[in-house]
C-alpha atoms as a PDB file:
ATOM      1  CA  MET A   1     -32.633  -2.068  -0.251  1.00  0.00           C
ATOM      2  CA  THR A   2     -30.431   1.011  -0.380  1.00  0.00           C
ATOM      3  CA  ASP A   3     -30.769   2.265   3.189  1.00  0.00           C
ATOM      4  CA  PRO A   4     -30.052  -1.103   4.901  1.00  0.00           C
ATOM      5  CA  LEU A   5     -27.232  -1.663   2.428  1.00  0.00           C
ATOM      6  CA  ARG A   6     -25.784   1.765   3.123  1.00  0.00           C
ATOM      7  CA  THR A   7     -25.959   1.052   6.853  1.00  0.00           C
ATOM      8  CA  ALA A   8     -24.171  -2.267   6.305  1.00  0.00           C
ATOM      9  CA  ALA A   9     -21.573  -0.448   4.207  1.00  0.00           C
ATOM     10  CA  ILE A  10     -20.900   2.123   6.902  1.00  0.00           C
ATOM     11  CA  VAL A  11     -20.587  -0.590   9.552  1.00  0.00           C
ATOM     12  CA  SER A  12     -18.208  -2.619   7.371  1.00  0.00           C
ATOM     13  CA  LEU A  13     -16.033   0.417   6.622  1.00  0.00           C
ATOM     14  CA  PHE A  14     -15.971   1.333  10.302  1.00  0.00           C
ATOM     15  CA  ILE A  15     -14.869  -2.202  11.202  1.00  0.00           C
ATOM     16  CA  GLY A  16     -12.121  -1.999   8.572  1.00  0.00           C
ATOM     17  CA  ALA A  17     -10.891   1.345   9.914  1.00  0.00           C
ATOM     18  CA  ALA A  18     -10.989   0.064  13.505  1.00  0.00           C
ATOM     19  CA  SER A  19      -9.011  -3.019  12.462  1.00  0.00           C
ATOM     20  CA  VAL A  20      -6.348  -0.827  10.859  1.00  0.00           C
ATOM     21  CA  LEU A  21      -6.130   1.217  14.060  1.00  0.00           C
ATOM     22  CA  ILE A  22      -5.719  -1.920  16.187  1.00  0.00           C
ATOM     23  CA  ILE A  23      -2.825  -3.126  14.033  1.00  0.00           C
ATOM     24  CA  ALA A  24      -1.254   0.351  13.990  1.00  0.00           C
ATOM     25  CA  VAL A  25      -1.361   0.541  17.792  1.00  0.00           C
ATOM     26  CA  ASP A  26       0.146  -2.951  17.970  1.00  0.00           C
ATOM     27  CA  LEU A  27       2.999  -1.924  15.684  1.00  0.00           C
ATOM     28  CA  VAL A  28       3.655   1.299  17.590  1.00  0.00           C
ATOM     29  CA  ALA A  29       3.797  -0.787  20.771  1.00  0.00           C
ATOM     30  CA  GLY A  30       6.785  -2.579  19.256  1.00  0.00           C
ATOM     31  CA  HIS A  31       5.191  -5.771  17.954  1.00  0.00           C
ATOM     32  CA  LYS A  32       6.875  -5.601  14.570  1.00  0.00           C
ATOM     33  CA  GLN A  33       6.901  -8.178  11.808  1.00  0.00           C
ATOM     34  CA  SER A  34      10.244  -9.847  11.069  1.00  0.00           C
ATOM     35  CA  MET A  35      10.024  -8.601   7.460  1.00  0.00           C
ATOM     36  CA  TRP A  36       9.529  -4.822   7.586  1.00  0.00           C
ATOM     37  CA  ILE A  37       7.374  -4.605   4.461  1.00  0.00           C
ATOM     38  CA  MET A  38       4.764  -6.713   6.256  1.00  0.00           C
ATOM     39  CA  ASN A  39       4.312  -3.864   8.731  1.00  0.00           C
ATOM     40  CA  TRP A  40       2.627  -2.100   5.795  1.00  0.00           C
ATOM     41  CA  VAL A  41       0.936  -5.168   4.362  1.00  0.00           C
ATOM     42  CA  TRP A  42      -1.187  -5.994   7.397  1.00  0.00           C
ATOM     43  CA  PRO A  43      -2.805  -2.576   7.982  1.00  0.00           C
ATOM     44  CA  ILE A  44      -3.690  -2.399   4.285  1.00  0.00           C
ATOM     45  CA  THR A  45      -5.107  -5.933   4.455  1.00  0.00           C
ATOM     46  CA  ALA A  46      -7.255  -4.955   7.444  1.00  0.00           C
ATOM     47  CA  LEU A  47      -8.980  -2.292   5.327  1.00  0.00           C
ATOM     48  CA  TYR A  48     -10.892  -5.011   3.474  1.00  0.00           C
ATOM     49  CA  ALA A  49     -10.412  -8.106   5.669  1.00  0.00           C
ATOM     50  CA  GLY A  50     -11.255  -6.384   8.965  1.00  0.00           C
ATOM     51  CA  PRO A  51     -10.819  -8.531  12.117  1.00  0.00           C
ATOM     52  CA  LEU A  52      -9.477 -11.420  10.027  1.00  0.00           C
ATOM     53  CA  GLY A  53      -6.530  -9.197   9.118  1.00  0.00           C
ATOM     54  CA  VAL A  54      -5.976  -8.389  12.812  1.00  0.00           C
ATOM     55  CA  VAL A  55      -5.929 -12.080  13.759  1.00  0.00           C
ATOM     56  CA  GLN A  56      -3.605 -13.033  10.918  1.00  0.00           C
ATOM     57  CA  GLU A  57      -1.240 -10.145  11.696  1.00  0.00           C
ATOM     58  CA  ALA A  58      -0.906 -11.404  15.269  1.00  0.00           C
ATOM     59  CA  LYS A  59      -0.295 -14.979  14.081  1.00  0.00           C
ATOM     60  CA  ALA A  60       2.229 -13.888  11.445  1.00  0.00           C
ATOM     61  CA  ARG A  61       4.573 -12.300  13.965  1.00  0.00           C
ATOM     62  CA  GLY A  62       4.613 -15.436  16.117  1.00  0.00           C
ATOM     63  CA  GLU A  63       7.796 -17.483  15.949  1.00  0.00           C
ATOM     64  CA  GLU A  64       7.597 -20.900  14.325  1.00  0.00           C
ATOM     65  CA  PRO A  65       8.688 -23.751  16.645  1.00  0.00           C
ATOM     66  CA  PRO A  66      12.187 -25.109  15.818  1.00  0.00           C
ATOM     67  CA  GLY A  67      12.113 -27.592  12.968  1.00  0.00           C
ATOM     68  CA  ARG A  68       8.544 -26.735  12.040  1.00  0.00           C
ATOM     69  CA  LYS A  69       7.509 -24.876   8.909  1.00  0.00           C
ATOM     70  CA  LYS A  70       4.210 -23.276   7.969  1.00  0.00           C
ATOM     71  CA  PRO A  71       1.896 -25.505   5.942  1.00  0.00           C
ATOM     72  CA  PHE A  72       2.197 -24.717   2.260  1.00  0.00           C
ATOM     73  CA  TRP A  73      -1.364 -23.393   2.051  1.00  0.00           C
ATOM     74  CA  GLN A  74      -0.501 -20.816   4.715  1.00  0.00           C
ATOM     75  CA  MET A  75       2.583 -19.743   2.776  1.00  0.00           C
ATOM     76  CA  VAL A  76       0.368 -19.278  -0.273  1.00  0.00           C
ATOM     77  CA  ALA A  77      -2.150 -17.260   1.733  1.00  0.00           C
ATOM     78  CA  LEU A  78       0.631 -15.049   3.082  1.00  0.00           C
ATOM     79  CA  GLY A  79       2.045 -14.520  -0.401  1.00  0.00           C
ATOM     80  CA  THR A  80      -1.410 -13.694  -1.735  1.00  0.00           C
ATOM     81  CA  THR A  81      -1.985 -11.213   1.082  1.00  0.00           C
ATOM     82  CA  HIS A  82       1.385  -9.608   0.361  1.00  0.00           C
ATOM     83  CA  CYS A  83       0.514  -9.247  -3.333  1.00  0.00           C
ATOM     84  CA  GLY A  84      -2.959  -8.017  -2.456  1.00  0.00           C
ATOM     85  CA  ALA A  85      -1.655  -5.196  -0.285  1.00  0.00           C
ATOM     86  CA  GLY A  86       0.092  -3.598  -3.248  1.00  0.00           C
ATOM     87  CA  CYS A  87      -3.017  -4.092  -5.378  1.00  0.00           C
ATOM     88  CA  ALA A  88      -5.328  -2.696  -2.712  1.00  0.00           C
ATOM     89  CA  LEU A  89      -3.163   0.360  -2.111  1.00  0.00           C
ATOM     90  CA  GLY A  90      -2.959   1.119  -5.835  1.00  0.00           C
ATOM     91  CA  ASP A  91      -6.689   0.581  -6.294  1.00  0.00           C
ATOM     92  CA  ILE A  92      -7.630   2.808  -3.360  1.00  0.00           C
ATOM     93  CA  LEU A  93      -5.370   5.665  -4.426  1.00  0.00           C
ATOM     94  CA  ALA A  94      -6.558   5.394  -8.029  1.00  0.00           C
ATOM     95  CA  GLU A  95     -10.222   5.483  -7.052  1.00  0.00           C
ATOM     96  CA  CYS A  96      -9.666   8.441  -4.710  1.00  0.00           C
ATOM     97  CA  GLY A  97      -7.929  10.319  -7.521  1.00  0.00           C
ATOM     98  CA  LEU A  98     -10.734   9.516  -9.948  1.00  0.00           C
ATOM     99  CA  ALA A  99     -13.263  10.875  -7.465  1.00  0.00           C
ATOM    100  CA  VAL A 100     -11.661  14.265  -8.173  1.00  0.00           C
ATOM    101  CA  PHE A 101     -10.497  13.858 -11.779  1.00  0.00           C
ATOM    102  CA  SER A 102     -13.229  11.973 -13.621  1.00  0.00           C
ATOM    103  CA  LEU A 103     -12.258   9.911 -16.691  1.00  0.00           C
ATOM    104  CA  THR A 104     -14.264   7.750 -19.080  1.00  0.00           C
ATOM    105  CA  HIS A 105     -13.286   4.948 -21.468  1.00  0.00           C
ATOM    106  CA  PHE A 106     -15.727   3.516 -24.024  1.00  0.00           C
ATOM    107  CA  GLY A 107     -18.318   5.770 -22.422  1.00  0.00           C
ATOM    108  CA  GLN A 108     -17.936   4.195 -18.975  1.00  0.00           C
ATOM    109  CA  LYS A 109     -16.139   5.596 -15.948  1.00  0.00           C
ATOM    110  CA  ILE A 110     -15.549   2.099 -14.580  1.00  0.00           C
ATOM    111  CA  PHE A 111     -13.437   1.071 -17.590  1.00  0.00           C
ATOM    112  CA  ALA A 112     -11.182   4.098 -17.173  1.00  0.00           C
ATOM    113  CA  ALA A 113     -10.947   3.346 -13.458  1.00  0.00           C
ATOM    114  CA  TRP A 114      -9.828  -0.218 -14.177  1.00  0.00           C
ATOM    115  CA  ALA A 115      -7.007   1.023 -16.402  1.00  0.00           C
ATOM    116  CA  VAL A 116      -5.744   3.495 -13.794  1.00  0.00           C
ATOM    117  CA  ASP A 117      -6.224   0.928 -11.026  1.00  0.00           C
ATOM    118  CA  TYR A 118      -4.078  -1.599 -12.857  1.00  0.00           C
ATOM    119  CA  VAL A 119      -1.193   0.793 -13.511  1.00  0.00           C
ATOM    120  CA  LEU A 120      -0.997   1.943  -9.886  1.00  0.00           C
ATOM    121  CA  ALA A 121      -1.571  -1.559  -8.512  1.00  0.00           C
ATOM    122  CA  LEU A 122       1.269  -2.882 -10.672  1.00  0.00           C
ATOM    123  CA  GLY A 123       3.595  -0.140  -9.474  1.00  0.00           C
ATOM    124  CA  PHE A 124       2.866  -0.728  -5.797  1.00  0.00           C
ATOM    125  CA  GLY A 125       2.830  -4.497  -6.281  1.00  0.00           C
ATOM    126  CA  ILE A 126       6.340  -4.501  -7.733  1.00  0.00           C
ATOM    127  CA  PHE A 127       7.482  -2.164  -4.946  1.00  0.00           C
ATOM    128  CA  PHE A 128       6.148  -4.517  -2.266  1.00  0.00           C
ATOM    129  CA  GLN A 129       7.547  -7.577  -4.039  1.00  0.00           C
ATOM    130  CA  TYR A 130      10.973  -5.994  -4.524  1.00  0.00           C
ATOM    131  CA  PHE A 131      11.434  -5.438  -0.805  1.00  0.00           C
ATOM    132  CA  THR A 132      10.613  -9.091  -0.201  1.00  0.00           C
ATOM    133  CA  ILE A 133      12.370 -10.910  -2.994  1.00  0.00           C
ATOM    134  CA  ALA A 134      15.547  -8.808  -3.277  1.00  0.00           C
ATOM    135  CA  PRO A 135      16.662  -9.229   0.372  1.00  0.00           C
ATOM    136  CA  MET A 136      15.749 -12.934   0.398  1.00  0.00           C
ATOM    137  CA  ARG A 137      17.787 -13.611  -2.755  1.00  0.00           C
ATOM    138  CA  GLY A 138      20.500 -11.027  -2.145  1.00  0.00           C
ATOM    139  CA  LEU A 139      19.775  -9.232  -5.433  1.00  0.00           C
ATOM    140  CA  GLY A 140      20.850  -5.776  -6.540  1.00  0.00           C
ATOM    141  CA  PHE A 141      18.368  -3.140  -7.640  1.00  0.00           C
ATOM    142  CA  ARG A 142      18.110  -4.041 -11.336  1.00  0.00           C
ATOM    143  CA  ASP A 143      17.924  -7.799 -10.811  1.00  0.00           C
ATOM    144  CA  GLY A 144      15.585  -7.287  -7.869  1.00  0.00           C
ATOM    145  CA  ILE A 145      13.148  -5.231  -9.958  1.00  0.00           C
ATOM    146  CA  LYS A 146      13.225  -7.833 -12.740  1.00  0.00           C
ATOM    147  CA  ALA A 147      12.556 -10.636 -10.275  1.00  0.00           C
ATOM    148  CA  ALA A 148       9.790  -8.644  -8.591  1.00  0.00           C
ATOM    149  CA  PHE A 149       8.138  -7.924 -11.947  1.00  0.00           C
ATOM    150  CA  LYS A 150       8.297 -11.591 -12.915  1.00  0.00           C
ATOM    151  CA  ALA A 151       6.987 -12.761  -9.547  1.00  0.00           C
ATOM    152  CA  ASP A 152       4.180 -10.259  -9.114  1.00  0.00           C
ATOM    153  CA  THR A 153       2.696  -9.483 -12.514  1.00  0.00           C
ATOM    154  CA  LEU A 154       0.704 -12.696 -12.982  1.00  0.00           C
ATOM    155  CA  SER A 155      -0.439 -12.775  -9.358  1.00  0.00           C
ATOM    156  CA  LEU A 156      -1.403  -9.111  -9.441  1.00  0.00           C
ATOM    157  CA  THR A 157      -3.283  -9.510 -12.721  1.00  0.00           C
ATOM    158  CA  ALA A 158      -5.289 -12.397 -11.266  1.00  0.00           C
ATOM    159  CA  TRP A 159      -6.135 -10.258  -8.223  1.00  0.00           C
ATOM    160  CA  GLN A 160      -7.290  -7.385 -10.433  1.00  0.00           C
ATOM    161  CA  VAL A 161      -9.393  -9.720 -12.568  1.00  0.00           C
ATOM    162  CA  GLY A 162     -11.190 -10.936  -9.444  1.00  0.00           C
ATOM    163  CA  MET A 163     -11.718  -7.381  -8.267  1.00  0.00           C
ATOM    164  CA  TYR A 164     -12.930  -6.188 -11.684  1.00  0.00           C
ATOM    165  CA  GLY A 165     -15.268  -9.175 -11.916  1.00  0.00           C
ATOM    166  CA  TRP A 166     -17.070  -8.312  -8.699  1.00  0.00           C
ATOM    167  CA  MET A 167     -17.237  -4.590  -9.495  1.00  0.00           C
ATOM    168  CA  ALA A 168     -18.690  -5.427 -12.920  1.00  0.00           C
ATOM    169  CA  ILE A 169     -21.384  -7.515 -11.231  1.00  0.00           C
ATOM    170  CA  ALA A 170     -22.089  -4.663  -8.804  1.00  0.00           C
ATOM    171  CA  VAL A 171     -22.280  -1.959 -11.468  1.00  0.00           C
ATOM    172  CA  PHE A 172     -23.901  -3.782 -14.374  1.00  0.00           C
ATOM    173  CA  VAL A 173     -26.052  -6.404 -12.622  1.00  0.00           C
ATOM    174  CA  ILE A 174     -26.858  -5.426  -9.028  1.00  0.00           C
ATOM    175  CA  PHE A 175     -27.197  -1.630  -9.280  1.00  0.00           C
ATOM    176  CA  ARG A 176     -27.244  -1.162 -13.074  1.00  0.00           C
ATOM    177  CA  HIS A 177     -25.513   2.192 -12.832  1.00  0.00           C
ATOM    178  CA  GLU A 178     -22.156   3.665 -11.881  1.00  0.00           C
ATOM    179  CA  LEU A 179     -21.572   4.008  -8.160  1.00  0.00           C
ATOM    180  CA  SER A 180     -20.466   7.339  -6.729  1.00  0.00           C
ATOM    181  CA  LYS A 181     -17.048   7.199  -5.112  1.00  0.00           C
ATOM    182  CA  THR A 182     -18.385   9.388  -2.317  1.00  0.00           C
ATOM    183  CA  ASP A 183     -21.007   6.765  -1.439  1.00  0.00           C
ATOM    184  CA  PRO A 184     -20.104   4.260   1.329  1.00  0.00           C
ATOM    185  CA  ILE A 185     -21.733   1.547  -0.790  1.00  0.00           C
ATOM    186  CA  PHE A 186     -19.024   1.971  -3.444  1.00  0.00           C
ATOM    187  CA  TRP A 187     -16.277   1.338  -0.902  1.00  0.00           C
ATOM    188  CA  PHE A 188     -18.204  -1.574   0.592  1.00  0.00           C
ATOM    189  CA  MET A 189     -18.333  -3.101  -2.881  1.00  0.00           C
ATOM    190  CA  MET A 190     -14.577  -2.477  -3.142  1.00  0.00           C
ATOM    191  CA  GLN A 191     -14.012  -4.385   0.110  1.00  0.00           C
ATOM    192  CA  ILE A 192     -15.906  -7.348  -1.327  1.00  0.00           C
ATOM    193  CA  ALA A 193     -14.047  -6.956  -4.626  1.00  0.00           C
ATOM    194  CA  MET A 194     -10.701  -7.225  -2.843  1.00  0.00           C
ATOM    195  CA  LEU A 195     -11.811 -10.436  -1.153  1.00  0.00           C
ATOM    196  CA  ALA A 196     -12.773 -11.713  -4.612  1.00  0.00           C
ATOM    197  CA  GLY A 197      -9.317 -10.686  -5.806  1.00  0.00           C
ATOM    198  CA  PHE A 198      -7.762 -12.765  -3.019  1.00  0.00           C
ATOM    199  CA  LEU A 199      -9.769 -15.845  -4.018  1.00  0.00           C
ATOM    200  CA  ILE A 200      -8.864 -15.569  -7.708  1.00  0.00           C
ATOM    201  CA  SER A 201      -5.199 -14.821  -7.012  1.00  0.00           C
ATOM    202  CA  TYR A 202      -4.719 -17.633  -4.479  1.00  0.00           C
ATOM    203  CA  PRO A 203      -4.324 -20.533  -6.985  1.00  0.00           C
ATOM    204  CA  VAL A 204      -2.007 -18.393  -9.115  1.00  0.00           C
ATOM    205  CA  ASN A 205       0.205 -17.752  -6.081  1.00  0.00           C
ATOM    206  CA  TRP A 206       0.128 -21.473  -5.332  1.00  0.00           C
ATOM    207  CA  TRP A 207       1.612 -22.186  -8.761  1.00  0.00           C
ATOM    208  CA  LEU A 208       4.154 -19.333  -8.525  1.00  0.00           C
ATOM    209  CA  LEU A 209       5.455 -20.641  -5.193  1.00  0.00           C
ATOM    210  CA  ARG A 210       5.574 -24.239  -6.421  1.00  0.00           C
ATOM    211  CA  ALA A 211       7.504 -23.111  -9.495  1.00  0.00           C
ATOM    212  CA  GLY A 212       9.953 -21.122  -7.348  1.00  0.00           C
ATOM    213  CA  ILE A 213       9.076 -17.864  -9.109  1.00  0.00           C
ATOM    214  CA  LYS A 214       7.937 -16.303  -5.831  1.00  0.00           C
ATOM    215  CA  GLU A 215       9.647 -16.739  -2.478  1.00  0.00           C
ATOM    216  CA  LYS A 216       7.943 -18.631   0.333  1.00  0.00           C
ATOM    217  CA  MET A 217       7.235 -16.337   3.264  1.00  0.00           C
END
């Protein structure tokens, strides 16, 4: 099982990296998103979503026809992707750091990783949300941070729960041992975990947009 799985992991990671490069080249060529923070969101999204991220990035920069708005489900998907980029960036940086500085909690490295992941994901999530919600509402720094915290915390937590859920299945059920952060299989599992995070966070973002807590994008 391991060798075919490792091959699949390497292929998936290569596709993710190639997708990031495609979006980066597109951005350098001048095809920018109307909201500058999205120029960071889409390359990060491509790390786990691969070609789907490339396609959605191209669609997102297209102009909506006059008098026509995106369907609500698309607005929710965009908001979830935006939230997920902050989560993904925090998770990736946390896991890279823990590959060097190993920590354990309750005798398990994965529990310590989840704690560090959450802190960094929350920080980046609020950062990403601030630069969306503050300009759209015309808020100053303090009010913008408060609004970003309110808008992103629940969504981000749902994303992390989905990610933790899949990684728990991988570690405790599929492999029955901790995965090395230098193994491509670990990062392949993280790609799947981020997709799980998207699925769990989507209905939460639906409610947040309906309630007017988050801005429609």
